[in-house]
Amino acid sequence: MGKKEDLQKQEEQEKQEEMRRTRLPRGREVIGICEQRVGGSRMKVRCMDGMTRICRIPGRLKRTLWVREGDVLLVEPWELSDEKGDVIYKYRPVQVHVLKQKGLLKQLDEEF
């Protein structure tokens, strides 16, 4: 087999794995959409519970998590103030499709 075939197999396996392992919100976690980058590691995120939060990317994820406007994110609100939160995870396009199928992004479909 050539390198091209190996890469295609590997990409296919990754897509299947992403479809199987879509992380769902647990506890206080909420799904949201990045509306606007504010600066630094902060952004405005419109959450599915109806709130718009100022969220930040925690230090342990700053180098690995790259977020743009329109990305679907998993947010954990702060305990002290509900208007702020931390970005925990960024969903990939395949995972967003799975979330839509499960009905977790119904508000997203209505607004766009």
PDB file of N, CA and C in Angstrom:
ATOM      1  N   MET A   1       0.827  -1.191   0.000  1.00  0.00           N
ATOM      2  CA  MET A   1       0.000   0.000   0.000  1.00  0.00           C
ATOM      3  C   MET A   1       0.865   1.246   0.000  1.00  0.00           C
ATOM      4  N   GLY A   2       0.336   2.279  -0.624  1.00  0.00           N
ATOM      5  CA  GLY A   2       1.059   3.534  -0.670  1.00  0.00           C
ATOM      6  C   GLY A   2       0.688   4.441   0.490  1.00  0.00           C
ATOM      7  N   LYS A   3       1.390   5.541   0.574  1.00  0.00           N
ATOM      8  CA  LYS A   3       1.129   6.492   1.654  1.00  0.00           C
ATOM      9  C   LYS A   3      -0.267   7.092   1.543  1.00  0.00           C
ATOM     10  N   LYS A   4      -0.694   7.330   0.289  1.00  0.00           N
ATOM     11  CA  LYS A   4      -2.006   7.938   0.071  1.00  0.00           C
ATOM     12  C   LYS A   4      -3.121   7.055   0.622  1.00  0.00           C
ATOM     13  N   GLU A   5      -3.047   5.764   0.359  1.00  0.00           N
ATOM     14  CA  GLU A   5      -4.062   4.834   0.836  1.00  0.00           C
ATOM     15  C   GLU A   5      -4.059   4.754   2.356  1.00  0.00           C
ATOM     16  N   ASP A   6      -2.865   4.764   2.948  1.00  0.00           N
ATOM     17  CA  ASP A   6      -2.763   4.734   4.409  1.00  0.00           C
ATOM     18  C   ASP A   6      -3.405   5.964   5.025  1.00  0.00           C
ATOM     19  N   LEU A   7      -3.142   7.143   4.432  1.00  0.00           N
ATOM     20  CA  LEU A   7      -3.716   8.386   4.950  1.00  0.00           C
ATOM     21  C   LEU A   7      -5.238   8.383   4.824  1.00  0.00           C
ATOM     22  N   GLN A   8      -5.764   7.861   3.710  1.00  0.00           N
ATOM     23  CA  GLN A   8      -7.210   7.807   3.516  1.00  0.00           C
ATOM     24  C   GLN A   8      -7.859   6.886   4.546  1.00  0.00           C
ATOM     25  N   LYS A   9      -7.230   5.737   4.809  1.00  0.00           N
ATOM     26  CA  LYS A   9      -7.751   4.811   5.817  1.00  0.00           C
ATOM     27  C   LYS A   9      -7.755   5.455   7.200  1.00  0.00           C
ATOM     28  N   GLN A  10      -6.669   6.152   7.504  1.00  0.00           N
ATOM     29  CA  GLN A  10      -6.543   6.785   8.808  1.00  0.00           C
ATOM     30  C   GLN A  10      -7.607   7.876   8.980  1.00  0.00           C
ATOM     31  N   GLU A  11      -7.856   8.684   7.944  1.00  0.00           N
ATOM     32  CA  GLU A  11      -8.872   9.730   8.016  1.00  0.00           C
ATOM     33  C   GLU A  11     -10.259   9.126   8.194  1.00  0.00           C
ATOM     34  N   GLU A  12     -10.523   8.038   7.498  1.00  0.00           N
ATOM     35  CA  GLU A  12     -11.814   7.371   7.598  1.00  0.00           C
ATOM     36  C   GLU A  12     -12.042   6.829   9.009  1.00  0.00           C
ATOM     37  N   GLN A  13     -10.996   6.245   9.596  1.00  0.00           N
ATOM     38  CA  GLN A  13     -11.102   5.724  10.953  1.00  0.00           C
ATOM     39  C   GLN A  13     -11.352   6.852  11.951  1.00  0.00           C
ATOM     40  N   GLU A  14     -10.695   8.012  11.746  1.00  0.00           N
ATOM     41  CA  GLU A  14     -10.876   9.152  12.637  1.00  0.00           C
ATOM     42  C   GLU A  14     -12.310   9.667  12.561  1.00  0.00           C
ATOM     43  N   LYS A  15     -12.889   9.721  11.357  1.00  0.00           N
ATOM     44  CA  LYS A  15     -14.260  10.183  11.208  1.00  0.00           C
ATOM     45  C   LYS A  15     -15.225   9.244  11.910  1.00  0.00           C
ATOM     46  N   GLN A  16     -15.012   7.942  11.775  1.00  0.00           N
ATOM     47  CA  GLN A  16     -15.881   6.978  12.444  1.00  0.00           C
ATOM     48  C   GLN A  16     -15.756   7.100  13.956  1.00  0.00           C
ATOM     49  N   GLU A  17     -14.530   7.325  14.420  1.00  0.00           N
ATOM     50  CA  GLU A  17     -14.296   7.455  15.853  1.00  0.00           C
ATOM     51  C   GLU A  17     -14.975   8.706  16.390  1.00  0.00           C
ATOM     52  N   GLU A  18     -14.920   9.815  15.629  1.00  0.00           N
ATOM     53  CA  GLU A  18     -15.554  11.056  16.055  1.00  0.00           C
ATOM     54  C   GLU A  18     -17.066  10.882  16.138  1.00  0.00           C
ATOM     55  N   MET A  19     -17.630  10.129  15.187  1.00  0.00           N
ATOM     56  CA  MET A  19     -19.067   9.914  15.205  1.00  0.00           C
ATOM     57  C   MET A  19     -19.465   9.110  16.437  1.00  0.00           C
ATOM     58  N   ARG A  20     -18.639   8.172  16.823  1.00  0.00           N
ATOM     59  CA  ARG A  20     -18.931   7.346  17.987  1.00  0.00           C
ATOM     60  C   ARG A  20     -18.742   8.106  19.283  1.00  0.00           C
ATOM     61  N   ARG A  21     -17.720   8.926  19.343  1.00  0.00           N
ATOM     62  CA  ARG A  21     -17.320   9.553  20.592  1.00  0.00           C
ATOM     63  C   ARG A  21     -17.587  11.056  20.586  1.00  0.00           C
ATOM     64  N   THR A  22     -18.820  11.430  20.444  1.00  0.00           N
ATOM     65  CA  THR A  22     -19.174  12.838  20.531  1.00  0.00           C
ATOM     66  C   THR A  22     -19.442  13.161  21.994  1.00  0.00           C
ATOM     67  N   ARG A  23     -18.700  14.094  22.523  1.00  0.00           N
ATOM     68  CA  ARG A  23     -18.830  14.428  23.939  1.00  0.00           C
ATOM     69  C   ARG A  23     -20.124  15.205  24.171  1.00  0.00           C
ATOM     70  N   LEU A  24     -20.908  14.759  25.120  1.00  0.00           N
ATOM     71  CA  LEU A  24     -22.177  15.395  25.448  1.00  0.00           C
ATOM     72  C   LEU A  24     -22.026  16.200  26.733  1.00  0.00           C
ATOM     73  N   PRO A  25     -22.861  17.236  26.907  1.00  0.00           N
ATOM     74  CA  PRO A  25     -22.772  18.035  28.133  1.00  0.00           C
ATOM     75  C   PRO A  25     -23.164  17.225  29.372  1.00  0.00           C
ATOM     76  N   ARG A  26     -22.390  17.396  30.431  1.00  0.00           N
ATOM     77  CA  ARG A  26     -22.667  16.722  31.706  1.00  0.00           C
ATOM     78  C   ARG A  26     -22.759  17.775  32.805  1.00  0.00           C
ATOM     79  N   GLY A  27     -23.637  17.576  33.740  1.00  0.00           N
ATOM     80  CA  GLY A  27     -23.743  18.482  34.890  1.00  0.00           C
ATOM     81  C   GLY A  27     -24.129  19.887  34.468  1.00  0.00           C
ATOM     82  N   ARG A  28     -23.270  20.864  34.785  1.00  0.00           N
ATOM     83  CA  ARG A  28     -23.550  22.271  34.486  1.00  0.00           C
ATOM     84  C   ARG A  28     -23.144  22.675  33.068  1.00  0.00           C
ATOM     85  N   GLU A  29     -22.515  21.810  32.332  1.00  0.00           N
ATOM     86  CA  GLU A  29     -21.993  22.158  31.010  1.00  0.00           C
ATOM     87  C   GLU A  29     -23.117  22.474  30.018  1.00  0.00           C
ATOM     88  N   VAL A  30     -22.841  23.428  29.110  1.00  0.00           N
ATOM     89  CA  VAL A  30     -23.821  23.902  28.138  1.00  0.00           C
ATOM     90  C   VAL A  30     -23.148  23.990  26.771  1.00  0.00           C
ATOM     91  N   ILE A  31     -23.907  23.724  25.718  1.00  0.00           N
ATOM     92  CA  ILE A  31     -23.392  23.888  24.359  1.00  0.00           C
ATOM     93  C   ILE A  31     -23.624  25.328  23.932  1.00  0.00           C
ATOM     94  N   GLY A  32     -22.650  25.918  23.225  1.00  0.00           N
ATOM     95  CA  GLY A  32     -22.778  27.298  22.778  1.00  0.00           C
ATOM     96  C   GLY A  32     -22.067  27.529  21.458  1.00  0.00           C
ATOM     97  N   ILE A  33     -22.307  28.711  20.874  1.00  0.00           N
ATOM     98  CA  ILE A  33     -21.698  29.087  19.593  1.00  0.00           C
ATOM     99  C   ILE A  33     -20.902  30.365  19.800  1.00  0.00           C
ATOM    100  N   CYS A  34     -19.679  30.386  19.312  1.00  0.00           N
ATOM    101  CA  CYS A  34     -18.836  31.571  19.430  1.00  0.00           C
ATOM    102  C   CYS A  34     -19.389  32.665  18.512  1.00  0.00           C
ATOM    103  N   GLU A  35     -19.793  33.781  19.102  1.00  0.00           N
ATOM    104  CA  GLU A  35     -20.322  34.900  18.327  1.00  0.00           C
ATOM    105  C   GLU A  35     -19.234  35.881  17.939  1.00  0.00           C
ATOM    106  N   GLN A  36     -18.333  36.168  18.883  1.00  0.00           N
ATOM    107  CA  GLN A  36     -17.344  37.215  18.639  1.00  0.00           C
ATOM    108  C   GLN A  36     -16.111  36.972  19.493  1.00  0.00           C
ATOM    109  N   ARG A  37     -14.943  37.115  18.880  1.00  0.00           N
ATOM    110  CA  ARG A  37     -13.692  37.078  19.641  1.00  0.00           C
ATOM    111  C   ARG A  37     -13.486  38.456  20.245  1.00  0.00           C
ATOM    112  N   VAL A  38     -13.233  38.507  21.540  1.00  0.00           N
ATOM    113  CA  VAL A  38     -13.106  39.786  22.223  1.00  0.00           C
ATOM    114  C   VAL A  38     -11.642  40.211  22.323  1.00  0.00           C
ATOM    115  N   GLY A  39     -10.751  39.263  22.455  1.00  0.00           N
ATOM    116  CA  GLY A  39      -9.333  39.590  22.577  1.00  0.00           C
ATOM    117  C   GLY A  39      -8.685  38.673  23.590  1.00  0.00           C
ATOM    118  N   GLY A  40      -7.418  38.441  23.407  1.00  0.00           N
ATOM    119  CA  GLY A  40      -6.736  37.511  24.290  1.00  0.00           C
ATOM    120  C   GLY A  40      -7.303  36.122  24.089  1.00  0.00           C
ATOM    121  N   SER A  41      -7.721  35.504  25.141  1.00  0.00           N
ATOM    122  CA  SER A  41      -8.329  34.174  25.024  1.00  0.00           C
ATOM    123  C   SER A  41      -9.811  34.233  25.391  1.00  0.00           C
ATOM    124  N   ARG A  42     -10.420  35.418  25.213  1.00  0.00           N
ATOM    125  CA  ARG A  42     -11.825  35.588  25.573  1.00  0.00           C
ATOM    126  C   ARG A  42     -12.706  35.729  24.336  1.00  0.00           C
ATOM    127  N   MET A  43     -13.989  35.373  24.512  1.00  0.00           N
ATOM    128  CA  MET A  43     -14.950  35.454  23.413  1.00  0.00           C
ATOM    129  C   MET A  43     -16.363  35.523  23.961  1.00  0.00           C
ATOM    130  N   LYS A  44     -17.291  36.042  23.139  1.00  0.00           N
ATOM    131  CA  LYS A  44     -18.707  36.030  23.490  1.00  0.00           C
ATOM    132  C   LYS A  44     -19.301  34.754  22.917  1.00  0.00           C
ATOM    133  N   VAL A  45     -19.979  33.986  23.762  1.00  0.00           N
ATOM    134  CA  VAL A  45     -20.562  32.713  23.353  1.00  0.00           C
ATOM    135  C   VAL A  45     -22.061  32.744  23.640  1.00  0.00           C
ATOM    136  N   ARG A  46     -22.866  32.476  22.612  1.00  0.00           N
ATOM    137  CA  ARG A  46     -24.316  32.370  22.782  1.00  0.00           C
ATOM    138  C   ARG A  46     -24.628  30.926  23.145  1.00  0.00           C
ATOM    139  N   CYS A  47     -25.101  30.710  24.362  1.00  0.00           N
ATOM    140  CA  CYS A  47     -25.320  29.360  24.872  1.00  0.00           C
ATOM    141  C   CYS A  47     -26.749  28.902  24.602  1.00  0.00           C
ATOM    142  N   MET A  48     -26.964  27.591  24.610  1.00  0.00           N
ATOM    143  CA  MET A  48     -28.268  27.009  24.317  1.00  0.00           C
ATOM    144  C   MET A  48     -29.277  27.215  25.444  1.00  0.00           C
ATOM    145  N   ASP A  49     -28.826  27.677  26.610  1.00  0.00           N
ATOM    146  CA  ASP A  49     -29.769  27.962  27.688  1.00  0.00           C
ATOM    147  C   ASP A  49     -30.298  29.389  27.618  1.00  0.00           C
ATOM    148  N   GLY A  50     -29.969  30.104  26.531  1.00  0.00           N
ATOM    149  CA  GLY A  50     -30.506  31.442  26.303  1.00  0.00           C
ATOM    150  C   GLY A  50     -29.617  32.580  26.763  1.00  0.00           C
ATOM    151  N   MET A  51     -28.505  32.291  27.399  1.00  0.00           N
ATOM    152  CA  MET A  51     -27.616  33.344  27.891  1.00  0.00           C
ATOM    153  C   MET A  51     -26.457  33.572  26.927  1.00  0.00           C
ATOM    154  N   THR A  52     -25.932  34.800  26.941  1.00  0.00           N
ATOM    155  CA  THR A  52     -24.697  35.104  26.227  1.00  0.00           C
ATOM    156  C   THR A  52     -23.623  35.312  27.272  1.00  0.00           C
ATOM    157  N   ARG A  53     -22.578  34.504  27.213  1.00  0.00           N
ATOM    158  CA  ARG A  53     -21.536  34.541  28.231  1.00  0.00           C
ATOM    159  C   ARG A  53     -20.216  35.019  27.631  1.00  0.00           C
ATOM    160  N   ILE A  54     -19.412  35.661  28.476  1.00  0.00           N
ATOM    161  CA  ILE A  54     -18.027  35.963  28.138  1.00  0.00           C
ATOM    162  C   ILE A  54     -17.223  34.761  28.617  1.00  0.00           C
ATOM    163  N   CYS A  55     -16.661  34.014  27.682  1.00  0.00           N
ATOM    164  CA  CYS A  55     -15.938  32.790  28.031  1.00  0.00           C
ATOM    165  C   CYS A  55     -14.464  32.940  27.732  1.00  0.00           C
ATOM    166  N   ARG A  56     -13.683  32.197  28.443  1.00  0.00           N
ATOM    167  CA  ARG A  56     -12.235  32.206  28.223  1.00  0.00           C
ATOM    168  C   ARG A  56     -11.755  30.787  27.986  1.00  0.00           C
ATOM    169  N   ILE A  57     -10.611  30.692  27.339  1.00  0.00           N
ATOM    170  CA  ILE A  57      -9.965  29.402  27.148  1.00  0.00           C
ATOM    171  C   ILE A  57      -8.978  29.227  28.299  1.00  0.00           C
ATOM    172  N   PRO A  58      -9.125  28.183  29.117  1.00  0.00           N
ATOM    173  CA  PRO A  58      -8.207  27.993  30.246  1.00  0.00           C
ATOM    174  C   PRO A  58      -6.764  27.792  29.772  1.00  0.00           C
ATOM    175  N   GLY A  59      -5.825  28.073  30.645  1.00  0.00           N
ATOM    176  CA  GLY A  59      -4.408  28.008  30.299  1.00  0.00           C
ATOM    177  C   GLY A  59      -3.953  26.670  29.750  1.00  0.00           C
ATOM    178  N   ARG A  60      -4.491  25.563  30.258  1.00  0.00           N
ATOM    179  CA  ARG A  60      -4.043  24.241  29.808  1.00  0.00           C
ATOM    180  C   ARG A  60      -4.472  23.962  28.368  1.00  0.00           C
ATOM    181  N   LEU A  61      -5.469  24.716  27.845  1.00  0.00           N
ATOM    182  CA  LEU A  61      -5.952  24.488  26.488  1.00  0.00           C
ATOM    183  C   LEU A  61      -5.564  25.591  25.504  1.00  0.00           C
ATOM    184  N   LYS A  62      -4.907  26.641  25.975  1.00  0.00           N
ATOM    185  CA  LYS A  62      -4.620  27.801  25.124  1.00  0.00           C
ATOM    186  C   LYS A  62      -3.865  27.444  23.853  1.00  0.00           C
ATOM    187  N   ARG A  63      -2.891  26.600  23.934  1.00  0.00           N
ATOM    188  CA  ARG A  63      -2.066  26.269  22.765  1.00  0.00           C
ATOM    189  C   ARG A  63      -2.734  25.260  21.841  1.00  0.00           C
ATOM    190  N   THR A  64      -3.626  24.442  22.369  1.00  0.00           N
ATOM    191  CA  THR A  64      -4.214  23.362  21.571  1.00  0.00           C
ATOM    192  C   THR A  64      -5.589  23.684  21.002  1.00  0.00           C
ATOM    193  N   LEU A  65      -6.327  24.601  21.624  1.00  0.00           N
ATOM    194  CA  LEU A  65      -7.699  24.881  21.218  1.00  0.00           C
ATOM    195  C   LEU A  65      -7.763  26.191  20.448  1.00  0.00           C
ATOM    196  N   TRP A  66      -8.039  26.123  19.152  1.00  0.00           N
ATOM    197  CA  TRP A  66      -8.146  27.308  18.308  1.00  0.00           C
ATOM    198  C   TRP A  66      -9.610  27.494  17.954  1.00  0.00           C
ATOM    199  N   VAL A  67     -10.159  28.655  18.316  1.00  0.00           N
ATOM    200  CA  VAL A  67     -11.584  28.904  18.148  1.00  0.00           C
ATOM    201  C   VAL A  67     -11.795  30.091  17.214  1.00  0.00           C
ATOM    202  N   ARG A  68     -12.746  29.938  16.290  1.00  0.00           N
ATOM    203  CA  ARG A  68     -13.150  31.024  15.394  1.00  0.00           C
ATOM    204  C   ARG A  68     -14.626  31.319  15.616  1.00  0.00           C
ATOM    205  N   GLU A  69     -15.086  32.421  15.058  1.00  0.00           N
ATOM    206  CA  GLU A  69     -16.504  32.762  15.157  1.00  0.00           C
ATOM    207  C   GLU A  69     -17.322  31.709  14.414  1.00  0.00           C
ATOM    208  N   GLY A  70     -18.417  31.295  15.023  1.00  0.00           N
ATOM    209  CA  GLY A  70     -19.288  30.294  14.421  1.00  0.00           C
ATOM    210  C   GLY A  70     -19.003  28.875  14.867  1.00  0.00           C
ATOM    211  N   ASP A  71     -17.934  28.656  15.621  1.00  0.00           N
ATOM    212  CA  ASP A  71     -17.624  27.314  16.108  1.00  0.00           C
ATOM    213  C   ASP A  71     -18.584  26.915  17.228  1.00  0.00           C
ATOM    214  N   VAL A  72     -18.910  25.633  17.281  1.00  0.00           N
ATOM    215  CA  VAL A  72     -19.772  25.097  18.343  1.00  0.00           C
ATOM    216  C   VAL A  72     -18.869  24.597  19.466  1.00  0.00           C
ATOM    217  N   LEU A  73     -19.160  25.066  20.680  1.00  0.00           N
ATOM    218  CA  LEU A  73     -18.289  24.817  21.822  1.00  0.00           C
ATOM    219  C   LEU A  73     -19.053  24.211  22.986  1.00  0.00           C
ATOM    220  N   LEU A  74     -18.323  23.576  23.879  1.00  0.00           N
ATOM    221  CA  LEU A  74     -18.876  23.102  25.137  1.00  0.00           C
ATOM    222  C   LEU A  74     -18.354  24.042  26.228  1.00  0.00           C
ATOM    223  N   VAL A  75     -19.279  24.660  26.958  1.00  0.00           N
ATOM    224  CA  VAL A  75     -18.930  25.704  27.929  1.00  0.00           C
ATOM    225  C   VAL A  75     -19.352  25.265  29.318  1.00  0.00           C
ATOM    226  N   GLU A  76     -18.494  25.542  30.297  1.00  0.00           N
ATOM    227  CA  GLU A  76     -18.851  25.310  31.698  1.00  0.00           C
ATOM    228  C   GLU A  76     -18.963  26.665  32.394  1.00  0.00           C
ATOM    229  N   PRO A  77     -20.193  27.069  32.784  1.00  0.00           N
ATOM    230  CA  PRO A  77     -20.366  28.361  33.463  1.00  0.00           C
ATOM    231  C   PRO A  77     -19.637  28.385  34.803  1.00  0.00           C
ATOM    232  N   TRP A  78     -19.201  29.582  35.190  1.00  0.00           N
ATOM    233  CA  TRP A  78     -18.547  29.734  36.482  1.00  0.00           C
ATOM    234  C   TRP A  78     -19.575  29.614  37.595  1.00  0.00           C
ATOM    235  N   GLU A  79     -19.129  29.173  38.755  1.00  0.00           N
ATOM    236  CA  GLU A  79     -20.033  29.042  39.891  1.00  0.00           C
ATOM    237  C   GLU A  79     -20.378  30.397  40.494  1.00  0.00           C
ATOM    238  N   LEU A  80     -19.427  31.327  40.478  1.00  0.00           N
ATOM    239  CA  LEU A  80     -19.642  32.619  41.126  1.00  0.00           C
ATOM    240  C   LEU A  80     -20.563  33.525  40.320  1.00  0.00           C
ATOM    241  N   SER A  81     -20.318  33.641  39.014  1.00  0.00           N
ATOM    242  CA  SER A  81     -21.186  34.482  38.184  1.00  0.00           C
ATOM    243  C   SER A  81     -21.598  33.678  36.960  1.00  0.00           C
ATOM    244  N   ASP A  82     -22.889  33.717  36.655  1.00  0.00           N
ATOM    245  CA  ASP A  82     -23.417  32.909  35.556  1.00  0.00           C
ATOM    246  C   ASP A  82     -23.166  33.552  34.195  1.00  0.00           C
ATOM    247  N   GLU A  83     -22.683  34.827  34.178  1.00  0.00           N
ATOM    248  CA  GLU A  83     -22.436  35.509  32.899  1.00  0.00           C
ATOM    249  C   GLU A  83     -21.079  35.160  32.300  1.00  0.00           C
ATOM    250  N   LYS A  84     -20.260  34.411  33.010  1.00  0.00           N
ATOM    251  CA  LYS A  84     -18.933  34.043  32.526  1.00  0.00           C
ATOM    252  C   LYS A  84     -18.770  32.532  32.542  1.00  0.00           C
ATOM    253  N   GLY A  85     -17.788  32.043  31.767  1.00  0.00           N
ATOM    254  CA  GLY A  85     -17.566  30.606  31.741  1.00  0.00           C
ATOM    255  C   GLY A  85     -16.246  30.241  31.090  1.00  0.00           C
ATOM    256  N   ASP A  86     -15.946  28.963  31.090  1.00  0.00           N
ATOM    257  CA  ASP A  86     -14.727  28.429  30.479  1.00  0.00           C
ATOM    258  C   ASP A  86     -15.108  27.543  29.296  1.00  0.00           C
ATOM    259  N   VAL A  87     -14.321  27.643  28.228  1.00  0.00           N
ATOM    260  CA  VAL A  87     -14.513  26.760  27.082  1.00  0.00           C
ATOM    261  C   VAL A  87     -13.770  25.465  27.383  1.00  0.00           C
ATOM    262  N   ILE A  88     -14.487  24.360  27.317  1.00  0.00           N
ATOM    263  CA  ILE A  88     -13.906  23.064  27.651  1.00  0.00           C
ATOM    264  C   ILE A  88     -13.526  22.287  26.399  1.00  0.00           C
ATOM    265  N   TYR A  89     -14.362  22.407  25.348  1.00  0.00           N
ATOM    266  CA  TYR A  89     -14.206  21.535  24.189  1.00  0.00           C
ATOM    267  C   TYR A  89     -14.736  22.225  22.943  1.00  0.00           C
ATOM    268  N   LYS A  90     -14.134  21.948  21.809  1.00  0.00           N
ATOM    269  CA  LYS A  90     -14.606  22.462  20.518  1.00  0.00           C
ATOM    270  C   LYS A  90     -15.071  21.274  19.672  1.00  0.00           C
ATOM    271  N   TYR A  91     -16.331  21.336  19.201  1.00  0.00           N
ATOM    272  CA  TYR A  91     -16.878  20.259  18.379  1.00  0.00           C
ATOM    273  C   TYR A  91     -16.411  20.399  16.940  1.00  0.00           C
ATOM    274  N   ARG A  92     -16.095  19.286  16.315  1.00  0.00           N
ATOM    275  CA  ARG A  92     -15.734  19.248  14.897  1.00  0.00           C
ATOM    276  C   ARG A  92     -17.005  19.150  14.060  1.00  0.00           C
ATOM    277  N   PRO A  93     -16.922  19.459  12.758  1.00  0.00           N
ATOM    278  CA  PRO A  93     -18.128  19.445  11.918  1.00  0.00           C
ATOM    279  C   PRO A  93     -18.906  18.126  11.946  1.00  0.00           C
ATOM    280  N   VAL A  94     -18.217  16.993  11.977  1.00  0.00           N
ATOM    281  CA  VAL A  94     -18.895  15.700  12.031  1.00  0.00           C
ATOM    282  C   VAL A  94     -19.651  15.571  13.353  1.00  0.00           C
ATOM    283  N   GLN A  95     -19.044  16.038  14.430  1.00  0.00           N
ATOM    284  CA  GLN A  95     -19.679  15.963  15.738  1.00  0.00           C
ATOM    285  C   GLN A  95     -20.886  16.897  15.831  1.00  0.00           C
ATOM    286  N   VAL A  96     -20.803  18.065  15.172  1.00  0.00           N
ATOM    287  CA  VAL A  96     -21.935  18.994  15.145  1.00  0.00           C
ATOM    288  C   VAL A  96     -23.118  18.328  14.444  1.00  0.00           C
ATOM    289  N   HIS A  97     -22.837  17.596  13.381  1.00  0.00           N
ATOM    290  CA  HIS A  97     -23.888  16.877  12.655  1.00  0.00           C
ATOM    291  C   HIS A  97     -24.552  15.836  13.564  1.00  0.00           C
ATOM    292  N   VAL A  98     -23.750  15.137  14.356  1.00  0.00           N
ATOM    293  CA  VAL A  98     -24.280  14.132  15.288  1.00  0.00           C
ATOM    294  C   VAL A  98     -25.148  14.805  16.352  1.00  0.00           C
ATOM    295  N   LEU A  99     -24.710  15.968  16.858  1.00  0.00           N
ATOM    296  CA  LEU A  99     -25.489  16.695  17.863  1.00  0.00           C
ATOM    297  C   LEU A  99     -26.833  17.146  17.292  1.00  0.00           C
ATOM    298  N   LYS A 100     -26.829  17.577  16.026  1.00  0.00           N
ATOM    299  CA  LYS A 100     -28.080  17.987  15.382  1.00  0.00           C
ATOM    300  C   LYS A 100     -29.023  16.796  15.256  1.00  0.00           C
ATOM    301  N   GLN A 101     -28.476  15.635  14.924  1.00  0.00           N
ATOM    302  CA  GLN A 101     -29.305  14.442  14.799  1.00  0.00           C
ATOM    303  C   GLN A 101     -29.927  14.047  16.134  1.00  0.00           C
ATOM    304  N   LYS A 102     -29.183  14.248  17.218  1.00  0.00           N
ATOM    305  CA  LYS A 102     -29.687  13.899  18.547  1.00  0.00           C
ATOM    306  C   LYS A 102     -30.656  14.933  19.089  1.00  0.00           C
ATOM    307  N   GLY A 103     -30.762  16.089  18.410  1.00  0.00           N
ATOM    308  CA  GLY A 103     -31.703  17.121  18.828  1.00  0.00           C
ATOM    309  C   GLY A 103     -31.165  18.080  19.865  1.00  0.00           C
ATOM    310  N   LEU A 104     -29.858  18.102  20.088  1.00  0.00           N
ATOM    311  CA  LEU A 104     -29.269  19.002  21.080  1.00  0.00           C
ATOM    312  C   LEU A 104     -29.035  20.405  20.531  1.00  0.00           C
ATOM    313  N   LEU A 105     -29.119  20.570  19.217  1.00  0.00           N
ATOM    314  CA  LEU A 105     -28.876  21.877  18.600  1.00  0.00           C
ATOM    315  C   LEU A 105     -30.128  22.391  17.878  1.00  0.00           C
ATOM    316  N   LYS A 106     -31.304  22.154  18.445  1.00  0.00           N
ATOM    317  CA  LYS A 106     -32.529  22.611  17.805  1.00  0.00           C
ATOM    318  C   LYS A 106     -32.578  24.142  17.748  1.00  0.00           C
ATOM    319  N   GLN A 107     -32.119  24.803  18.806  1.00  0.00           N
ATOM    320  CA  GLN A 107     -32.102  26.274  18.820  1.00  0.00           C
ATOM    321  C   GLN A 107     -31.157  26.805  17.752  1.00  0.00           C
ATOM    322  N   LEU A 108     -30.098  26.082  17.483  1.00  0.00           N
ATOM    323  CA  LEU A 108     -29.142  26.489  16.447  1.00  0.00           C
ATOM    324  C   LEU A 108     -29.819  26.465  15.081  1.00  0.00           C
ATOM    325  N   ASP A 109     -30.615  25.435  14.807  1.00  0.00           N
ATOM    326  CA  ASP A 109     -31.311  25.321  13.529  1.00  0.00           C
ATOM    327  C   ASP A 109     -32.337  26.438  13.345  1.00  0.00           C
ATOM    328  N   GLU A 110     -33.017  26.826  14.444  1.00  0.00           N
ATOM    329  CA  GLU A 110     -34.034  27.850  14.349  1.00  0.00           C
ATOM    330  C   GLU A 110     -33.439  29.225  14.080  1.00  0.00           C
ATOM    331  N   GLU A 111     -32.268  29.508  14.641  1.00  0.00           N
ATOM    332  CA  GLU A 111     -31.679  30.840  14.533  1.00  0.00           C
ATOM    333  C   GLU A 111     -30.930  31.058  13.223  1.00  0.00           C
ATOM    334  N   PHE A 112     -30.424  29.998  12.621  1.00  0.00           N
ATOM    335  CA  PHE A 112     -29.650  30.166  11.383  1.00  0.00           C
ATOM    336  C   PHE A 112     -30.449  29.768  10.194  1.00  0.00           C
TER     337      PHE A 112
END
